[in-house]
């Protein structure tokens, strides 16, 4: 049986310029207003759903919206949850 040929590996040198450390800019903590708005969205969504369940029959425009109240309530909470991804 014939012997297979062995491939020769090419020698290469590492560029020393690519190994220099790079300083990463620190972003720091989030401002207080960002956290307040984030929590405000989550609480507003919760309050919207609570008011819809407890008092929708007494509030005419809210009962006319029907199932759209779920979209508004959960939408507000999702906006708050999405904001948590940028919170430091």
PDB file of N, CA and C in Angstrom:
ATOM      1  N   UNK A   1       0.850  -1.166   0.000  1.00  0.00           N
ATOM      2  CA  UNK A   1       0.000   0.000   0.000  1.00  0.00           C
ATOM      3  C   UNK A   1       0.902   1.239   0.000  1.00  0.00           C
ATOM      4  N   UNK A   2       0.563   2.242  -0.856  1.00  0.00           N
ATOM      5  CA  UNK A   2       1.407   3.435  -0.919  1.00  0.00           C
ATOM      6  C   UNK A   2       1.227   4.312   0.312  1.00  0.00           C
ATOM      7  N   UNK A   3       2.302   4.952   0.690  1.00  0.00           N
ATOM      8  CA  UNK A   3       2.283   5.838   1.854  1.00  0.00           C
ATOM      9  C   UNK A   3       1.736   7.199   1.443  1.00  0.00           C
ATOM     10  N   UNK A   4       0.838   7.773   2.293  1.00  0.00           N
ATOM     11  CA  UNK A   4       0.276   9.086   1.973  1.00  0.00           C
ATOM     12  C   UNK A   4       1.304  10.181   2.206  1.00  0.00           C
ATOM     13  N   UNK A   5       1.166  11.215   1.431  1.00  0.00           N
ATOM     14  CA  UNK A   5       2.107  12.322   1.548  1.00  0.00           C
ATOM     15  C   UNK A   5       1.739  13.171   2.757  1.00  0.00           C
ATOM     16  N   UNK A   6       2.733  13.616   3.462  1.00  0.00           N
ATOM     17  CA  UNK A   6       2.515  14.463   4.632  1.00  0.00           C
ATOM     18  C   UNK A   6       2.605  15.913   4.174  1.00  0.00           C
ATOM     19  N   UNK A   7       1.564  16.683   4.542  1.00  0.00           N
ATOM     20  CA  UNK A   7       1.568  18.088   4.170  1.00  0.00           C
ATOM     21  C   UNK A   7       2.502  18.866   5.062  1.00  0.00           C
ATOM     22  N   UNK A   8       3.191  19.798   4.467  1.00  0.00           N
ATOM     23  CA  UNK A   8       4.078  20.648   5.229  1.00  0.00           C
ATOM     24  C   UNK A   8       3.296  21.853   5.741  1.00  0.00           C
ATOM     25  N   UNK A   9       3.407  22.140   7.021  1.00  0.00           N
ATOM     26  CA  UNK A   9       2.749  23.318   7.580  1.00  0.00           C
ATOM     27  C   UNK A   9       3.618  24.533   7.330  1.00  0.00           C
ATOM     28  N   UNK A  10       2.958  25.626   6.978  1.00  0.00           N
ATOM     29  CA  UNK A  10       3.716  26.854   6.753  1.00  0.00           C
ATOM     30  C   UNK A  10       3.988  27.522   8.094  1.00  0.00           C
ATOM     31  N   UNK A  11       5.171  27.997   8.246  1.00  0.00           N
ATOM     32  CA  UNK A  11       5.523  28.721   9.466  1.00  0.00           C
ATOM     33  C   UNK A  11       5.043  30.160   9.334  1.00  0.00           C
ATOM     34  N   UNK A  12       4.533  30.670  10.401  1.00  0.00           N
ATOM     35  CA  UNK A  12       4.111  32.063  10.394  1.00  0.00           C
ATOM     36  C   UNK A  12       4.506  32.696  11.708  1.00  0.00           C
ATOM     37  N   UNK A  13       4.645  33.991  11.677  1.00  0.00           N
ATOM     38  CA  UNK A  13       5.003  34.729  12.890  1.00  0.00           C
ATOM     39  C   UNK A  13       3.813  35.579  13.292  1.00  0.00           C
ATOM     40  N   UNK A  14       3.639  35.728  14.576  1.00  0.00           N
ATOM     41  CA  UNK A  14       2.554  36.538  15.108  1.00  0.00           C
ATOM     42  C   UNK A  14       2.985  37.994  15.053  1.00  0.00           C
ATOM     43  N   UNK A  15       2.102  38.811  14.520  1.00  0.00           N
ATOM     44  CA  UNK A  15       2.385  40.238  14.435  1.00  0.00           C
ATOM     45  C   UNK A  15       2.359  40.820  15.853  1.00  0.00           C
ATOM     46  N   UNK A  16       3.446  41.387  16.348  1.00  0.00           N
ATOM     47  CA  UNK A  16       3.453  41.893  17.721  1.00  0.00           C
ATOM     48  C   UNK A  16       2.497  43.063  17.932  1.00  0.00           C
ATOM     49  N   UNK A  17       2.130  43.770  16.887  1.00  0.00           N
ATOM     50  CA  UNK A  17       1.220  44.902  17.032  1.00  0.00           C
ATOM     51  C   UNK A  17      -0.193  44.441  17.377  1.00  0.00           C
ATOM     52  N   UNK A  18      -0.564  43.234  16.964  1.00  0.00           N
ATOM     53  CA  UNK A  18      -1.913  42.757  17.229  1.00  0.00           C
ATOM     54  C   UNK A  18      -2.072  42.230  18.654  1.00  0.00           C
ATOM     55  N   UNK A  19      -1.012  42.102  19.386  1.00  0.00           N
ATOM     56  CA  UNK A  19      -1.062  41.557  20.731  1.00  0.00           C
ATOM     57  C   UNK A  19      -1.037  42.640  21.807  1.00  0.00           C
ATOM     58  N   UNK A  20      -1.072  43.893  21.417  1.00  0.00           N
ATOM     59  CA  UNK A  20      -1.035  44.956  22.416  1.00  0.00           C
ATOM     60  C   UNK A  20      -2.407  45.078  23.071  1.00  0.00           C
ATOM     61  N   UNK A  21      -2.450  45.269  24.374  1.00  0.00           N
ATOM     62  CA  UNK A  21      -3.747  45.383  25.049  1.00  0.00           C
ATOM     63  C   UNK A  21      -4.441  46.695  24.693  1.00  0.00           C
ATOM     64  N   UNK A  22      -5.749  46.622  24.625  1.00  0.00           N
ATOM     65  CA  UNK A  22      -6.564  47.781  24.296  1.00  0.00           C
ATOM     66  C   UNK A  22      -7.403  48.123  25.514  1.00  0.00           C
ATOM     67  N   UNK A  23      -7.426  49.394  25.881  1.00  0.00           N
ATOM     68  CA  UNK A  23      -8.219  49.821  27.024  1.00  0.00           C
ATOM     69  C   UNK A  23      -9.680  49.950  26.612  1.00  0.00           C
ATOM     70  N   UNK A  24     -10.560  49.333  27.384  1.00  0.00           N
ATOM     71  CA  UNK A  24     -11.983  49.392  27.116  1.00  0.00           C
ATOM     72  C   UNK A  24     -12.577  50.502  27.967  1.00  0.00           C
ATOM     73  N   UNK A  25     -13.380  51.343  27.323  1.00  0.00           N
ATOM     74  CA  UNK A  25     -13.988  52.458  28.041  1.00  0.00           C
ATOM     75  C   UNK A  25     -15.081  51.931  28.969  1.00  0.00           C
ATOM     76  N   UNK A  26     -14.995  52.277  30.221  1.00  0.00           N
ATOM     77  CA  UNK A  26     -15.981  51.844  31.201  1.00  0.00           C
ATOM     78  C   UNK A  26     -17.210  52.747  31.112  1.00  0.00           C
ATOM     79  N   UNK A  27     -18.377  52.126  31.044  1.00  0.00           N
ATOM     80  CA  UNK A  27     -19.602  52.892  30.869  1.00  0.00           C
ATOM     81  C   UNK A  27     -20.127  53.441  32.193  1.00  0.00           C
ATOM     82  N   UNK A  28     -19.845  52.793  33.280  1.00  0.00           N
ATOM     83  CA  UNK A  28     -20.308  53.270  34.577  1.00  0.00           C
ATOM     84  C   UNK A  28     -21.748  52.863  34.841  1.00  0.00           C
ATOM     85  N   UNK A  29     -22.236  53.204  36.019  1.00  0.00           N
ATOM     86  CA  UNK A  29     -23.602  52.816  36.381  1.00  0.00           C
ATOM     87  C   UNK A  29     -24.654  53.664  35.660  1.00  0.00           C
ATOM     88  N   UNK A  30     -25.862  53.141  35.601  1.00  0.00           N
ATOM     89  CA  UNK A  30     -26.968  53.866  34.970  1.00  0.00           C
ATOM     90  C   UNK A  30     -27.397  55.023  35.865  1.00  0.00           C
ATOM     91  N   UNK A  31     -27.884  56.104  35.260  1.00  0.00           N
ATOM     92  CA  UNK A  31     -28.372  57.220  36.069  1.00  0.00           C
ATOM     93  C   UNK A  31     -29.662  56.844  36.804  1.00  0.00           C
ATOM     94  N   UNK A  32     -29.965  57.612  37.823  1.00  0.00           N
ATOM     95  CA  UNK A  32     -31.139  57.328  38.660  1.00  0.00           C
ATOM     96  C   UNK A  32     -32.420  57.471  37.848  1.00  0.00           C
ATOM     97  N   UNK A  33     -32.470  58.441  36.929  1.00  0.00           N
ATOM     98  CA  UNK A  33     -33.688  58.652  36.155  1.00  0.00           C
ATOM     99  C   UNK A  33     -33.985  57.452  35.256  1.00  0.00           C
ATOM    100  N   UNK A  34     -32.952  56.761  34.784  1.00  0.00           N
ATOM    101  CA  UNK A  34     -33.170  55.595  33.924  1.00  0.00           C
ATOM    102  C   UNK A  34     -33.849  54.471  34.706  1.00  0.00           C
ATOM    103  N   UNK A  35     -33.360  54.240  35.900  1.00  0.00           N
ATOM    104  CA  UNK A  35     -33.950  53.186  36.743  1.00  0.00           C
ATOM    105  C   UNK A  35     -35.379  53.561  37.121  1.00  0.00           C
ATOM    106  N   UNK A  36     -35.616  54.841  37.388  1.00  0.00           N
ATOM    107  CA  UNK A  36     -36.964  55.291  37.749  1.00  0.00           C
ATOM    108  C   UNK A  36     -37.948  55.081  36.602  1.00  0.00           C
ATOM    109  N   UNK A  37     -37.527  55.431  35.395  1.00  0.00           N
ATOM    110  CA  UNK A  37     -38.400  55.257  34.233  1.00  0.00           C
ATOM    111  C   UNK A  37     -38.649  53.777  33.965  1.00  0.00           C
ATOM    112  N   UNK A  38     -37.595  52.966  34.106  1.00  0.00           N
ATOM    113  CA  UNK A  38     -37.723  51.523  33.886  1.00  0.00           C
ATOM    114  C   UNK A  38     -38.743  50.918  34.853  1.00  0.00           C
ATOM    115  N   UNK A  39     -38.594  51.219  36.126  1.00  0.00           N
ATOM    116  CA  UNK A  39     -39.545  50.698  37.111  1.00  0.00           C
ATOM    117  C   UNK A  39     -40.925  51.307  36.933  1.00  0.00           C
ATOM    118  N   UNK A  40     -40.971  52.567  36.488  1.00  0.00           N
ATOM    119  CA  UNK A  40     -42.253  53.225  36.236  1.00  0.00           C
ATOM    120  C   UNK A  40     -43.047  52.531  35.146  1.00  0.00           C
ATOM    121  N   UNK A  41     -42.370  52.117  34.064  1.00  0.00           N
ATOM    122  CA  UNK A  41     -43.056  51.385  32.998  1.00  0.00           C
ATOM    123  C   UNK A  41     -43.615  50.071  33.516  1.00  0.00           C
ATOM    124  N   UNK A  42     -42.827  49.351  34.295  1.00  0.00           N
ATOM    125  CA  UNK A  42     -43.298  48.058  34.802  1.00  0.00           C
ATOM    126  C   UNK A  42     -44.481  48.237  35.754  1.00  0.00           C
ATOM    127  N   UNK A  43     -44.399  49.218  36.615  1.00  0.00           N
ATOM    128  CA  UNK A  43     -45.509  49.464  37.540  1.00  0.00           C
ATOM    129  C   UNK A  43     -46.735  49.997  36.823  1.00  0.00           C
ATOM    130  N   UNK A  44     -46.539  50.844  35.807  1.00  0.00           N
ATOM    131  CA  UNK A  44     -47.685  51.372  35.053  1.00  0.00           C
ATOM    132  C   UNK A  44     -48.433  50.241  34.350  1.00  0.00           C
ATOM    133  N   UNK A  45     -47.694  49.283  33.803  1.00  0.00           N
ATOM    134  CA  UNK A  45     -48.349  48.139  33.170  1.00  0.00           C
ATOM    135  C   UNK A  45     -49.123  47.299  34.168  1.00  0.00           C
ATOM    136  N   UNK A  46     -48.539  47.102  35.336  1.00  0.00           N
ATOM    137  CA  UNK A  46     -49.227  46.335  36.381  1.00  0.00           C
ATOM    138  C   UNK A  46     -50.478  47.058  36.860  1.00  0.00           C
ATOM    139  N   UNK A  47     -50.366  48.357  37.072  1.00  0.00           N
ATOM    140  CA  UNK A  47     -51.520  49.147  37.525  1.00  0.00           C
ATOM    141  C   UNK A  47     -52.606  49.150  36.458  1.00  0.00           C
ATOM    142  N   UNK A  48     -52.209  49.256  35.185  1.00  0.00           N
ATOM    143  CA  UNK A  48     -53.200  49.244  34.102  1.00  0.00           C
ATOM    144  C   UNK A  48     -54.012  47.950  34.127  1.00  0.00           C
ATOM    145  N   UNK A  49     -53.324  46.827  34.284  1.00  0.00           N
ATOM    146  CA  UNK A  49     -54.034  45.547  34.308  1.00  0.00           C
ATOM    147  C   UNK A  49     -54.901  45.399  35.554  1.00  0.00           C
ATOM    148  N   UNK A  50     -54.406  45.871  36.683  1.00  0.00           N
ATOM    149  CA  UNK A  50     -55.210  45.799  37.910  1.00  0.00           C
ATOM    150  C   UNK A  50     -56.472  46.643  37.798  1.00  0.00           C
ATOM    151  N   UNK A  51     -56.338  47.851  37.270  1.00  0.00           N
ATOM    152  CA  UNK A  51     -57.513  48.716  37.100  1.00  0.00           C
ATOM    153  C   UNK A  51     -58.485  48.089  36.112  1.00  0.00           C
ATOM    154  N   UNK A  52     -57.952  47.486  35.063  1.00  0.00           N
ATOM    155  CA  UNK A  52     -58.841  46.840  34.084  1.00  0.00           C
ATOM    156  C   UNK A  52     -59.630  45.704  34.729  1.00  0.00           C
ATOM    157  N   UNK A  53     -58.967  44.893  35.526  1.00  0.00           N
ATOM    158  CA  UNK A  53     -59.678  43.771  36.160  1.00  0.00           C
ATOM    159  C   UNK A  53     -60.663  44.240  37.226  1.00  0.00           C
ATOM    160  N   UNK A  54     -60.278  45.243  37.997  1.00  0.00           N
ATOM    161  CA  UNK A  54     -61.110  45.630  39.138  1.00  0.00           C
ATOM    162  C   UNK A  54     -62.190  46.644  38.796  1.00  0.00           C
ATOM    163  N   UNK A  55     -61.931  47.555  37.845  1.00  0.00           N
ATOM    164  CA  UNK A  55     -62.876  48.649  37.634  1.00  0.00           C
ATOM    165  C   UNK A  55     -63.221  48.892  36.175  1.00  0.00           C
ATOM    166  N   UNK A  56     -63.063  47.928  35.305  1.00  0.00           N
ATOM    167  CA  UNK A  56     -63.345  48.149  33.886  1.00  0.00           C
ATOM    168  C   UNK A  56     -64.828  48.408  33.643  1.00  0.00           C
ATOM    169  N   UNK A  57     -65.696  47.803  34.432  1.00  0.00           N
ATOM    170  CA  UNK A  57     -67.135  48.029  34.230  1.00  0.00           C
ATOM    171  C   UNK A  57     -67.563  49.428  34.678  1.00  0.00           C
ATOM    172  N   UNK A  58     -66.774  50.102  35.501  1.00  0.00           N
ATOM    173  CA  UNK A  58     -67.090  51.459  35.930  1.00  0.00           C
ATOM    174  C   UNK A  58     -66.444  52.518  35.026  1.00  0.00           C
ATOM    175  N   UNK A  59     -65.446  52.143  34.255  1.00  0.00           N
ATOM    176  CA  UNK A  59     -64.762  53.067  33.355  1.00  0.00           C
ATOM    177  C   UNK A  59     -65.176  52.690  31.938  1.00  0.00           C
ATOM    178  N   UNK A  60     -65.974  53.553  31.318  1.00  0.00           N
ATOM    179  CA  UNK A  60     -66.592  53.213  30.036  1.00  0.00           C
ATOM    180  C   UNK A  60     -65.561  53.035  28.925  1.00  0.00           C
ATOM    181  N   UNK A  61     -64.624  53.955  28.831  1.00  0.00           N
ATOM    182  CA  UNK A  61     -63.666  53.879  27.718  1.00  0.00           C
ATOM    183  C   UNK A  61     -62.723  52.686  27.868  1.00  0.00           C
ATOM    184  N   UNK A  62     -62.491  52.265  29.094  1.00  0.00           N
ATOM    185  CA  UNK A  62     -61.623  51.111  29.297  1.00  0.00           C
ATOM    186  C   UNK A  62     -62.351  49.812  28.957  1.00  0.00           C
ATOM    187  N   UNK A  63     -63.608  49.732  29.277  1.00  0.00           N
ATOM    188  CA  UNK A  63     -64.356  48.521  28.938  1.00  0.00           C
ATOM    189  C   UNK A  63     -64.623  48.447  27.441  1.00  0.00           C
ATOM    190  N   UNK A  64     -64.681  49.601  26.760  1.00  0.00           N
ATOM    191  CA  UNK A  64     -64.863  49.602  25.301  1.00  0.00           C
ATOM    192  C   UNK A  64     -63.627  49.065  24.583  1.00  0.00           C
ATOM    193  N   UNK A  65     -62.461  49.213  25.191  1.00  0.00           N
ATOM    194  CA  UNK A  65     -61.227  48.754  24.554  1.00  0.00           C
ATOM    195  C   UNK A  65     -61.113  47.232  24.563  1.00  0.00           C
ATOM    196  N   UNK A  66     -61.742  46.595  25.502  1.00  0.00           N
ATOM    197  CA  UNK A  66     -61.767  45.135  25.552  1.00  0.00           C
ATOM    198  C   UNK A  66     -60.390  44.521  25.761  1.00  0.00           C
ATOM    199  N   UNK A  67     -60.014  43.611  24.865  1.00  0.00           N
ATOM    200  CA  UNK A  67     -58.753  42.867  25.010  1.00  0.00           C
ATOM    201  C   UNK A  67     -57.524  43.725  24.726  1.00  0.00           C
ATOM    202  N   UNK A  68     -57.704  44.903  24.135  1.00  0.00           N
ATOM    203  CA  UNK A  68     -56.565  45.801  23.901  1.00  0.00           C
ATOM    204  C   UNK A  68     -55.922  46.238  25.213  1.00  0.00           C
ATOM    205  N   UNK A  69     -56.667  46.151  26.297  1.00  0.00           N
ATOM    206  CA  UNK A  69     -56.101  46.490  27.610  1.00  0.00           C
ATOM    207  C   UNK A  69     -54.947  45.562  27.980  1.00  0.00           C
ATOM    208  N   UNK A  70     -55.042  44.305  27.571  1.00  0.00           N
ATOM    209  CA  UNK A  70     -53.946  43.369  27.837  1.00  0.00           C
ATOM    210  C   UNK A  70     -52.694  43.781  27.058  1.00  0.00           C
ATOM    211  N   UNK A  71     -52.885  44.190  25.818  1.00  0.00           N
ATOM    212  CA  UNK A  71     -51.748  44.622  25.013  1.00  0.00           C
ATOM    213  C   UNK A  71     -51.088  45.856  25.629  1.00  0.00           C
ATOM    214  N   UNK A  72     -51.878  46.791  26.082  1.00  0.00           N
ATOM    215  CA  UNK A  72     -51.321  48.008  26.691  1.00  0.00           C
ATOM    216  C   UNK A  72     -50.596  47.667  27.987  1.00  0.00           C
ATOM    217  N   UNK A  73     -51.227  46.902  28.857  1.00  0.00           N
ATOM    218  CA  UNK A  73     -50.621  46.557  30.149  1.00  0.00           C
ATOM    219  C   UNK A  73     -49.343  45.750  29.994  1.00  0.00           C
ATOM    220  N   UNK A  74     -49.405  44.680  29.212  1.00  0.00           N
ATOM    221  CA  UNK A  74     -48.213  43.856  29.017  1.00  0.00           C
ATOM    222  C   UNK A  74     -47.165  44.585  28.185  1.00  0.00           C
ATOM    223  N   UNK A  75     -47.614  45.436  27.265  1.00  0.00           N
ATOM    224  CA  UNK A  75     -46.672  46.225  26.467  1.00  0.00           C
ATOM    225  C   UNK A  75     -45.849  47.161  27.332  1.00  0.00           C
ATOM    226  N   UNK A  76     -46.490  47.813  28.285  1.00  0.00           N
ATOM    227  CA  UNK A  76     -45.754  48.695  29.205  1.00  0.00           C
ATOM    228  C   UNK A  76     -44.750  47.901  30.044  1.00  0.00           C
ATOM    229  N   UNK A  77     -45.160  46.727  30.491  1.00  0.00           N
ATOM    230  CA  UNK A  77     -44.239  45.913  31.282  1.00  0.00           C
ATOM    231  C   UNK A  77     -43.075  45.392  30.441  1.00  0.00           C
ATOM    232  N   UNK A  78     -43.331  45.057  29.186  1.00  0.00           N
ATOM    233  CA  UNK A  78     -42.262  44.569  28.312  1.00  0.00           C
ATOM    234  C   UNK A  78     -41.259  45.685  28.021  1.00  0.00           C
ATOM    235  N   UNK A  79     -41.743  46.909  27.841  1.00  0.00           N
ATOM    236  CA  UNK A  79     -40.828  48.036  27.635  1.00  0.00           C
ATOM    237  C   UNK A  79     -39.905  48.173  28.847  1.00  0.00           C
ATOM    238  N   UNK A  80     -40.463  48.057  30.040  1.00  0.00           N
ATOM    239  CA  UNK A  80     -39.631  48.103  31.247  1.00  0.00           C
ATOM    240  C   UNK A  80     -38.637  46.964  31.313  1.00  0.00           C
ATOM    241  N   UNK A  81     -39.057  45.771  30.911  1.00  0.00           N
ATOM    242  CA  UNK A  81     -38.143  44.626  30.926  1.00  0.00           C
ATOM    243  C   UNK A  81     -37.039  44.764  29.885  1.00  0.00           C
ATOM    244  N   UNK A  82     -37.364  45.324  28.732  1.00  0.00           N
ATOM    245  CA  UNK A  82     -36.340  45.553  27.712  1.00  0.00           C
ATOM    246  C   UNK A  82     -35.333  46.583  28.202  1.00  0.00           C
ATOM    247  N   UNK A  83     -35.807  47.550  28.969  1.00  0.00           N
ATOM    248  CA  UNK A  83     -34.896  48.564  29.508  1.00  0.00           C
ATOM    249  C   UNK A  83     -33.923  47.952  30.514  1.00  0.00           C
ATOM    250  N   UNK A  84     -34.278  46.838  31.136  1.00  0.00           N
ATOM    251  CA  UNK A  84     -33.374  46.218  32.102  1.00  0.00           C
ATOM    252  C   UNK A  84     -32.109  45.681  31.434  1.00  0.00           C
ATOM    253  N   UNK A  85     -32.171  45.423  30.118  1.00  0.00           N
ATOM    254  CA  UNK A  85     -30.984  44.916  29.438  1.00  0.00           C
ATOM    255  C   UNK A  85     -29.881  45.965  29.339  1.00  0.00           C
ATOM    256  N   UNK A  86     -30.227  47.239  29.386  1.00  0.00           N
ATOM    257  CA  UNK A  86     -29.222  48.296  29.307  1.00  0.00           C
ATOM    258  C   UNK A  86     -28.885  48.855  30.684  1.00  0.00           C
ATOM    259  N   UNK A  87     -29.490  48.307  31.712  1.00  0.00           N
ATOM    260  CA  UNK A  87     -29.272  48.800  33.068  1.00  0.00           C
ATOM    261  C   UNK A  87     -27.938  48.257  33.586  1.00  0.00           C
ATOM    262  N   UNK A  88     -27.117  49.156  34.108  1.00  0.00           N
ATOM    263  CA  UNK A  88     -25.806  48.745  34.662  1.00  0.00           C
ATOM    264  C   UNK A  88     -25.759  49.089  36.120  1.00  0.00           C
TER     265      UNK A  88
END
